[in-house]
Amino acid sequence: MKHYGLPSTTLKCPKVVYIDRQSSSRRFSDETEASLIGLFEDLEKEGYGRFEHVDLEKLSVVDQIGAISDASVSHLPV
């Protein structure tokens, strides 16, 4: 992380990163994605963790690494 100028952090609560693949051929239905994001947002509101929704295709390589480097859980639809 230091090589890219990114901080190394320890989180007090889990961080869930949802890696958006909706612009690819490997995508969820719109309804499924909306439900999944809604679930993560509800869990965050209840204090069960922090949720981050990222579209890696729109980020630089360094920003991609930063977005997922401190994740407790990353979900990439396959």
PDB file of N, CA and C in Angstrom:
ATOM      1  N   MET A   1       0.801  -1.178   0.000  1.00  0.00           N
ATOM      2  CA  MET A   1       0.000   0.000   0.000  1.00  0.00           C
ATOM      3  C   MET A   1       0.859   1.264   0.000  1.00  0.00           C
ATOM      4  N   LYS A   2       1.939   1.229   0.756  1.00  0.00           N
ATOM      5  CA  LYS A   2       2.807   2.407   0.820  1.00  0.00           C
ATOM      6  C   LYS A   2       3.381   2.738  -0.549  1.00  0.00           C
ATOM      7  N   HIS A   3       3.640   1.714  -1.361  1.00  0.00           N
ATOM      8  CA  HIS A   3       4.182   1.910  -2.702  1.00  0.00           C
ATOM      9  C   HIS A   3       3.267   2.804  -3.542  1.00  0.00           C
ATOM     10  N   TYR A   4       1.951   2.697  -3.340  1.00  0.00           N
ATOM     11  CA  TYR A   4       0.979   3.486  -4.093  1.00  0.00           C
ATOM     12  C   TYR A   4       0.542   4.741  -3.349  1.00  0.00           C
ATOM     13  N   GLY A   5       1.151   5.008  -2.197  1.00  0.00           N
ATOM     14  CA  GLY A   5       0.783   6.181  -1.432  1.00  0.00           C
ATOM     15  C   GLY A   5      -0.545   6.042  -0.724  1.00  0.00           C
ATOM     16  N   LEU A   6      -0.967   4.792  -0.453  1.00  0.00           N
ATOM     17  CA  LEU A   6      -2.243   4.537   0.208  1.00  0.00           C
ATOM     18  C   LEU A   6      -1.998   4.149   1.660  1.00  0.00           C
ATOM     19  N   PRO A   7      -2.843   4.629   2.564  1.00  0.00           N
ATOM     20  CA  PRO A   7      -2.659   4.285   3.973  1.00  0.00           C
ATOM     21  C   PRO A   7      -3.056   2.839   4.242  1.00  0.00           C
ATOM     22  N   SER A   8      -2.403   2.232   5.201  1.00  0.00           N
ATOM     23  CA  SER A   8      -2.778   0.910   5.666  1.00  0.00           C
ATOM     24  C   SER A   8      -3.623   1.123   6.913  1.00  0.00           C
ATOM     25  N   THR A   9      -4.869   0.672   6.879  1.00  0.00           N
ATOM     26  CA  THR A   9      -5.772   0.953   7.983  1.00  0.00           C
ATOM     27  C   THR A   9      -6.358  -0.321   8.561  1.00  0.00           C
ATOM     28  N   THR A  10      -6.745  -0.222   9.816  1.00  0.00           N
ATOM     29  CA  THR A  10      -7.477  -1.288  10.478  1.00  0.00           C
ATOM     30  C   THR A  10      -8.853  -0.729  10.813  1.00  0.00           C
ATOM     31  N   LEU A  11      -9.887  -1.421  10.389  1.00  0.00           N
ATOM     32  CA  LEU A  11     -11.242  -0.925  10.590  1.00  0.00           C
ATOM     33  C   LEU A  11     -11.832  -1.435  11.897  1.00  0.00           C
ATOM     34  N   LYS A  12     -12.690  -0.616  12.496  1.00  0.00           N
ATOM     35  CA  LYS A  12     -13.387  -1.018  13.712  1.00  0.00           C
ATOM     36  C   LYS A  12     -14.612  -1.871  13.387  1.00  0.00           C
ATOM     37  N   CYS A  13     -15.154  -1.725  12.187  1.00  0.00           N
ATOM     38  CA  CYS A  13     -16.294  -2.529  11.768  1.00  0.00           C
ATOM     39  C   CYS A  13     -16.007  -3.030  10.354  1.00  0.00           C
ATOM     40  N   PRO A  14     -16.685  -4.101   9.933  1.00  0.00           N
ATOM     41  CA  PRO A  14     -16.410  -4.647   8.601  1.00  0.00           C
ATOM     42  C   PRO A  14     -16.743  -3.654   7.486  1.00  0.00           C
ATOM     43  N   LYS A  15     -15.934  -3.694   6.445  1.00  0.00           N
ATOM     44  CA  LYS A  15     -16.191  -2.900   5.247  1.00  0.00           C
ATOM     45  C   LYS A  15     -16.489  -3.870   4.115  1.00  0.00           C
ATOM     46  N   VAL A  16     -17.679  -3.728   3.542  1.00  0.00           N
ATOM     47  CA  VAL A  16     -18.105  -4.560   2.423  1.00  0.00           C
ATOM     48  C   VAL A  16     -17.990  -3.724   1.158  1.00  0.00           C
ATOM     49  N   VAL A  17     -17.273  -4.238   0.174  1.00  0.00           N
ATOM     50  CA  VAL A  17     -17.140  -3.548  -1.106  1.00  0.00           C
ATOM     51  C   VAL A  17     -17.879  -4.362  -2.162  1.00  0.00           C
ATOM     52  N   TYR A  18     -18.874  -3.734  -2.768  1.00  0.00           N
ATOM     53  CA  TYR A  18     -19.596  -4.349  -3.883  1.00  0.00           C
ATOM     54  C   TYR A  18     -18.978  -3.813  -5.165  1.00  0.00           C
ATOM     55  N   ILE A  19     -18.382  -4.701  -5.934  1.00  0.00           N
ATOM     56  CA  ILE A  19     -17.735  -4.317  -7.191  1.00  0.00           C
ATOM     57  C   ILE A  19     -18.765  -4.448  -8.309  1.00  0.00           C
ATOM     58  N   ASP A  20     -19.170  -3.316  -8.819  1.00  0.00           N
ATOM     59  CA  ASP A  20     -20.232  -3.237  -9.821  1.00  0.00           C
ATOM     60  C   ASP A  20     -19.743  -3.762 -11.167  1.00  0.00           C
ATOM     61  N   ARG A  21     -20.463  -4.714 -11.720  1.00  0.00           N
ATOM     62  CA  ARG A  21     -20.150  -5.261 -13.045  1.00  0.00           C
ATOM     63  C   ARG A  21     -21.330  -5.075 -13.995  1.00  0.00           C
ATOM     64  N   GLN A  22     -22.198  -4.135 -13.702  1.00  0.00           N
ATOM     65  CA  GLN A  22     -23.415  -3.959 -14.487  1.00  0.00           C
ATOM     66  C   GLN A  22     -23.146  -3.551 -15.930  1.00  0.00           C
ATOM     67  N   SER A  23     -21.984  -2.994 -16.213  1.00  0.00           N
ATOM     68  CA  SER A  23     -21.690  -2.603 -17.596  1.00  0.00           C
ATOM     69  C   SER A  23     -21.043  -3.741 -18.379  1.00  0.00           C
ATOM     70  N   SER A  24     -20.900  -4.915 -17.759  1.00  0.00           N
ATOM     71  CA  SER A  24     -20.293  -6.058 -18.431  1.00  0.00           C
ATOM     72  C   SER A  24     -21.364  -7.080 -18.801  1.00  0.00           C
ATOM     73  N   SER A  25     -20.928  -8.143 -19.434  1.00  0.00           N
ATOM     74  CA  SER A  25     -21.862  -9.216 -19.764  1.00  0.00           C
ATOM     75  C   SER A  25     -22.190 -10.069 -18.544  1.00  0.00           C
ATOM     76  N   ARG A  26     -21.388  -9.935 -17.488  1.00  0.00           N
ATOM     77  CA  ARG A  26     -21.617 -10.683 -16.247  1.00  0.00           C
ATOM     78  C   ARG A  26     -22.308  -9.775 -15.249  1.00  0.00           C
ATOM     79  N   ARG A  27     -23.583  -9.571 -15.433  1.00  0.00           N
ATOM     80  CA  ARG A  27     -24.319  -8.613 -14.637  1.00  0.00           C
ATOM     81  C   ARG A  27     -25.517  -9.264 -13.962  1.00  0.00           C
ATOM     82  N   PHE A  28     -25.941  -8.648 -12.871  1.00  0.00           N
ATOM     83  CA  PHE A  28     -27.189  -9.045 -12.224  1.00  0.00           C
ATOM     84  C   PHE A  28     -28.338  -8.392 -12.968  1.00  0.00           C
ATOM     85  N   SER A  29     -29.535  -8.909 -12.755  1.00  0.00           N
ATOM     86  CA  SER A  29     -30.705  -8.172 -13.249  1.00  0.00           C
ATOM     87  C   SER A  29     -30.762  -6.869 -12.455  1.00  0.00           C
ATOM     88  N   ASP A  30     -31.415  -5.864 -13.012  1.00  0.00           N
ATOM     89  CA  ASP A  30     -31.509  -4.578 -12.318  1.00  0.00           C
ATOM     90  C   ASP A  30     -32.183  -4.736 -10.960  1.00  0.00           C
ATOM     91  N   GLU A  31     -33.198  -5.594 -10.895  1.00  0.00           N
ATOM     92  CA  GLU A  31     -33.915  -5.812  -9.638  1.00  0.00           C
ATOM     93  C   GLU A  31     -33.014  -6.464  -8.592  1.00  0.00           C
ATOM     94  N   THR A  32     -32.214  -7.448  -9.015  1.00  0.00           N
ATOM     95  CA  THR A  32     -31.314  -8.132  -8.091  1.00  0.00           C
ATOM     96  C   THR A  32     -30.265  -7.166  -7.558  1.00  0.00           C
ATOM     97  N   GLU A  33     -29.693  -6.375  -8.440  1.00  0.00           N
ATOM     98  CA  GLU A  33     -28.682  -5.420  -7.987  1.00  0.00           C
ATOM     99  C   GLU A  33     -29.284  -4.403  -7.026  1.00  0.00           C
ATOM    100  N   ALA A  34     -30.455  -3.878  -7.336  1.00  0.00           N
ATOM    101  CA  ALA A  34     -31.101  -2.900  -6.457  1.00  0.00           C
ATOM    102  C   ALA A  34     -31.388  -3.506  -5.080  1.00  0.00           C
ATOM    103  N   SER A  35     -31.826  -4.756  -5.055  1.00  0.00           N
ATOM    104  CA  SER A  35     -32.103  -5.433  -3.782  1.00  0.00           C
ATOM    105  C   SER A  35     -30.830  -5.634  -2.975  1.00  0.00           C
ATOM    106  N   LEU A  36     -29.757  -6.036  -3.645  1.00  0.00           N
ATOM    107  CA  LEU A  36     -28.487  -6.266  -2.974  1.00  0.00           C
ATOM    108  C   LEU A  36     -27.935  -4.965  -2.383  1.00  0.00           C
ATOM    109  N   ILE A  37     -27.957  -3.921  -3.160  1.00  0.00           N
ATOM    110  CA  ILE A  37     -27.475  -2.624  -2.677  1.00  0.00           C
ATOM    111  C   ILE A  37     -28.353  -2.135  -1.523  1.00  0.00           C
ATOM    112  N   GLY A  38     -29.656  -2.301  -1.644  1.00  0.00           N
ATOM    113  CA  GLY A  38     -30.569  -1.918  -0.567  1.00  0.00           C
ATOM    114  C   GLY A  38     -30.278  -2.678   0.717  1.00  0.00           C
ATOM    115  N   LEU A  39     -29.983  -3.966   0.600  1.00  0.00           N
ATOM    116  CA  LEU A  39     -29.643  -4.773   1.771  1.00  0.00           C
ATOM    117  C   LEU A  39     -28.381  -4.251   2.441  1.00  0.00           C
ATOM    118  N   PHE A  40     -27.340  -4.003   1.649  1.00  0.00           N
ATOM    119  CA  PHE A  40     -26.098  -3.475   2.203  1.00  0.00           C
ATOM    120  C   PHE A  40     -26.321  -2.119   2.878  1.00  0.00           C
ATOM    121  N   GLU A  41     -27.104  -1.251   2.251  1.00  0.00           N
ATOM    122  CA  GLU A  41     -27.369   0.066   2.827  1.00  0.00           C
ATOM    123  C   GLU A  41     -28.145  -0.055   4.137  1.00  0.00           C
ATOM    124  N   ASP A  42     -29.109  -0.962   4.196  1.00  0.00           N
ATOM    125  CA  ASP A  42     -29.865  -1.185   5.428  1.00  0.00           C
ATOM    126  C   ASP A  42     -28.951  -1.689   6.538  1.00  0.00           C
ATOM    127  N   LEU A  43     -28.057  -2.623   6.218  1.00  0.00           N
ATOM    128  CA  LEU A  43     -27.124  -3.137   7.217  1.00  0.00           C
ATOM    129  C   LEU A  43     -26.195  -2.039   7.730  1.00  0.00           C
ATOM    130  N   GLU A  44     -25.776  -1.151   6.826  1.00  0.00           N
ATOM    131  CA  GLU A  44     -24.917  -0.044   7.235  1.00  0.00           C
ATOM    132  C   GLU A  44     -25.675   0.893   8.185  1.00  0.00           C
ATOM    133  N   LYS A  45     -26.933   1.203   7.869  1.00  0.00           N
ATOM    134  CA  LYS A  45     -27.744   2.073   8.728  1.00  0.00           C
ATOM    135  C   LYS A  45     -27.921   1.478  10.121  1.00  0.00           C
ATOM    136  N   GLU A  46     -27.966   0.157  10.194  1.00  0.00           N
ATOM    137  CA  GLU A  46     -28.126  -0.522  11.478  1.00  0.00           C
ATOM    138  C   GLU A  46     -26.803  -0.655  12.229  1.00  0.00           C
ATOM    139  N   GLY A  47     -25.699  -0.237  11.604  1.00  0.00           N
ATOM    140  CA  GLY A  47     -24.404  -0.244  12.267  1.00  0.00           C
ATOM    141  C   GLY A  47     -23.642  -1.555  12.178  1.00  0.00           C
ATOM    142  N   TYR A  48     -24.009  -2.406  11.228  1.00  0.00           N
ATOM    143  CA  TYR A  48     -23.337  -3.702  11.092  1.00  0.00           C
ATOM    144  C   TYR A  48     -22.062  -3.642  10.267  1.00  0.00           C
ATOM    145  N   GLY A  49     -21.761  -2.513   9.700  1.00  0.00           N
ATOM    146  CA  GLY A  49     -20.554  -2.378   8.892  1.00  0.00           C
ATOM    147  C   GLY A  49     -20.668  -1.174   7.992  1.00  0.00           C
ATOM    148  N   ARG A  50     -19.667  -1.027   7.163  1.00  0.00           N
ATOM    149  CA  ARG A  50     -19.637   0.064   6.190  1.00  0.00           C
ATOM    150  C   ARG A  50     -19.737  -0.547   4.800  1.00  0.00           C
ATOM    151  N   PHE A  51     -20.521   0.053   3.947  1.00  0.00           N
ATOM    152  CA  PHE A  51     -20.758  -0.441   2.599  1.00  0.00           C
ATOM    153  C   PHE A  51     -20.193   0.545   1.585  1.00  0.00           C
ATOM    154  N   GLU A  52     -19.499   0.009   0.573  1.00  0.00           N
ATOM    155  CA  GLU A  52     -18.990   0.845  -0.511  1.00  0.00           C
ATOM    156  C   GLU A  52     -19.320   0.172  -1.842  1.00  0.00           C
ATOM    157  N   HIS A  53     -19.908   0.927  -2.733  1.00  0.00           N
ATOM    158  CA  HIS A  53     -20.305   0.463  -4.070  1.00  0.00           C
ATOM    159  C   HIS A  53     -19.331   1.087  -5.066  1.00  0.00           C
ATOM    160  N   VAL A  54     -18.532   0.256  -5.755  1.00  0.00           N
ATOM    161  CA  VAL A  54     -17.532   0.790  -6.673  1.00  0.00           C
ATOM    162  C   VAL A  54     -17.679   0.193  -8.070  1.00  0.00           C
ATOM    163  N   ASP A  55     -17.389   1.019  -9.043  1.00  0.00           N
ATOM    164  CA  ASP A  55     -17.319   0.592 -10.436  1.00  0.00           C
ATOM    165  C   ASP A  55     -15.855   0.732 -10.838  1.00  0.00           C
ATOM    166  N   LEU A  56     -15.125  -0.384 -10.771  1.00  0.00           N
ATOM    167  CA  LEU A  56     -13.679  -0.341 -10.981  1.00  0.00           C
ATOM    168  C   LEU A  56     -13.296   0.179 -12.356  1.00  0.00           C
ATOM    169  N   GLU A  57     -14.152  -0.030 -13.342  1.00  0.00           N
ATOM    170  CA  GLU A  57     -13.832   0.411 -14.700  1.00  0.00           C
ATOM    171  C   GLU A  57     -13.701   1.927 -14.798  1.00  0.00           C
ATOM    172  N   LYS A  58     -14.259   2.655 -13.826  1.00  0.00           N
ATOM    173  CA  LYS A  58     -14.214   4.116 -13.850  1.00  0.00           C
ATOM    174  C   LYS A  58     -13.085   4.680 -12.994  1.00  0.00           C
ATOM    175  N   LEU A  59     -12.289   3.800 -12.376  1.00  0.00           N
ATOM    176  CA  LEU A  59     -11.228   4.237 -11.472  1.00  0.00           C
ATOM    177  C   LEU A  59      -9.848   3.926 -12.034  1.00  0.00           C
ATOM    178  N   SER A  60      -8.872   4.728 -11.638  1.00  0.00           N
ATOM    179  CA  SER A  60      -7.482   4.425 -11.988  1.00  0.00           C
ATOM    180  C   SER A  60      -7.056   3.181 -11.220  1.00  0.00           C
ATOM    181  N   VAL A  61      -5.942   2.591 -11.618  1.00  0.00           N
ATOM    182  CA  VAL A  61      -5.450   1.389 -10.943  1.00  0.00           C
ATOM    183  C   VAL A  61      -5.185   1.671  -9.468  1.00  0.00           C
ATOM    184  N   VAL A  62      -4.572   2.802  -9.161  1.00  0.00           N
ATOM    185  CA  VAL A  62      -4.281   3.143  -7.771  1.00  0.00           C
ATOM    186  C   VAL A  62      -5.584   3.316  -6.984  1.00  0.00           C
ATOM    187  N   ASP A  63      -6.579   3.978  -7.584  1.00  0.00           N
ATOM    188  CA  ASP A  63      -7.862   4.148  -6.900  1.00  0.00           C
ATOM    189  C   ASP A  63      -8.584   2.806  -6.730  1.00  0.00           C
ATOM    190  N   GLN A  64      -8.434   1.894  -7.686  1.00  0.00           N
ATOM    191  CA  GLN A  64      -9.012   0.557  -7.546  1.00  0.00           C
ATOM    192  C   GLN A  64      -8.412  -0.162  -6.343  1.00  0.00           C
ATOM    193  N   ILE A  65      -7.095  -0.109  -6.238  1.00  0.00           N
ATOM    194  CA  ILE A  65      -6.413  -0.758  -5.111  1.00  0.00           C
ATOM    195  C   ILE A  65      -6.871  -0.124  -3.801  1.00  0.00           C
ATOM    196  N   GLY A  66      -6.960   1.193  -3.776  1.00  0.00           N
ATOM    197  CA  GLY A  66      -7.403   1.883  -2.574  1.00  0.00           C
ATOM    198  C   GLY A  66      -8.821   1.535  -2.179  1.00  0.00           C
ATOM    199  N   ALA A  67      -9.690   1.341  -3.168  1.00  0.00           N
ATOM    200  CA  ALA A  67     -11.097   1.043  -2.884  1.00  0.00           C
ATOM    201  C   ALA A  67     -11.284  -0.305  -2.207  1.00  0.00           C
ATOM    202  N   ILE A  68     -10.441  -1.265  -2.555  1.00  0.00           N
ATOM    203  CA  ILE A  68     -10.636  -2.606  -2.001  1.00  0.00           C
ATOM    204  C   ILE A  68      -9.576  -3.030  -0.995  1.00  0.00           C
ATOM    205  N   SER A  69      -8.551  -2.203  -0.789  1.00  0.00           N
ATOM    206  CA  SER A  69      -7.425  -2.617   0.060  1.00  0.00           C
ATOM    207  C   SER A  69      -7.815  -2.863   1.506  1.00  0.00           C
ATOM    208  N   ASP A  70      -8.777  -2.132   2.027  1.00  0.00           N
ATOM    209  CA  ASP A  70      -9.158  -2.312   3.416  1.00  0.00           C
ATOM    210  C   ASP A  70     -10.512  -3.014   3.575  1.00  0.00           C
ATOM    211  N   ALA A  71     -10.934  -3.678   2.525  1.00  0.00           N
ATOM    212  CA  ALA A  71     -12.229  -4.366   2.574  1.00  0.00           C
ATOM    213  C   ALA A  71     -12.159  -5.632   3.432  1.00  0.00           C
ATOM    214  N   SER A  72     -13.200  -5.823   4.199  1.00  0.00           N
ATOM    215  CA  SER A  72     -13.367  -7.072   4.930  1.00  0.00           C
ATOM    216  C   SER A  72     -13.944  -8.118   3.989  1.00  0.00           C
ATOM    217  N   VAL A  73     -14.854  -7.652   3.116  1.00  0.00           N
ATOM    218  CA  VAL A  73     -15.518  -8.528   2.156  1.00  0.00           C
ATOM    219  C   VAL A  73     -15.629  -7.786   0.842  1.00  0.00           C
ATOM    220  N   SER A  74     -15.253  -8.444  -0.263  1.00  0.00           N
ATOM    221  CA  SER A  74     -15.473  -7.893  -1.594  1.00  0.00           C
ATOM    222  C   SER A  74     -16.344  -8.869  -2.358  1.00  0.00           C
ATOM    223  N   HIS A  75     -17.338  -8.349  -3.042  1.00  0.00           N
ATOM    224  CA  HIS A  75     -18.220  -9.223  -3.820  1.00  0.00           C
ATOM    225  C   HIS A  75     -18.105  -8.854  -5.285  1.00  0.00           C
ATOM    226  N   LEU A  76     -17.636  -9.774  -6.064  1.00  0.00           N
ATOM    227  CA  LEU A  76     -17.523  -9.591  -7.507  1.00  0.00           C
ATOM    228  C   LEU A  76     -18.390 -10.643  -8.170  1.00  0.00           C
ATOM    229  N   PRO A  77     -19.504 -10.240  -8.797  1.00  0.00           N
ATOM    230  CA  PRO A  77     -20.346 -11.217  -9.463  1.00  0.00           C
ATOM    231  C   PRO A  77     -19.582 -11.941 -10.561  1.00  0.00           C
ATOM    232  N   VAL A  78     -19.758 -13.232 -10.635  1.00  0.00           N
ATOM    233  CA  VAL A  78     -19.090 -14.020 -11.668  1.00  0.00           C
ATOM    234  C   VAL A  78     -20.085 -14.625 -12.615  1.00  0.00           C
TER     235      VAL A  78
END
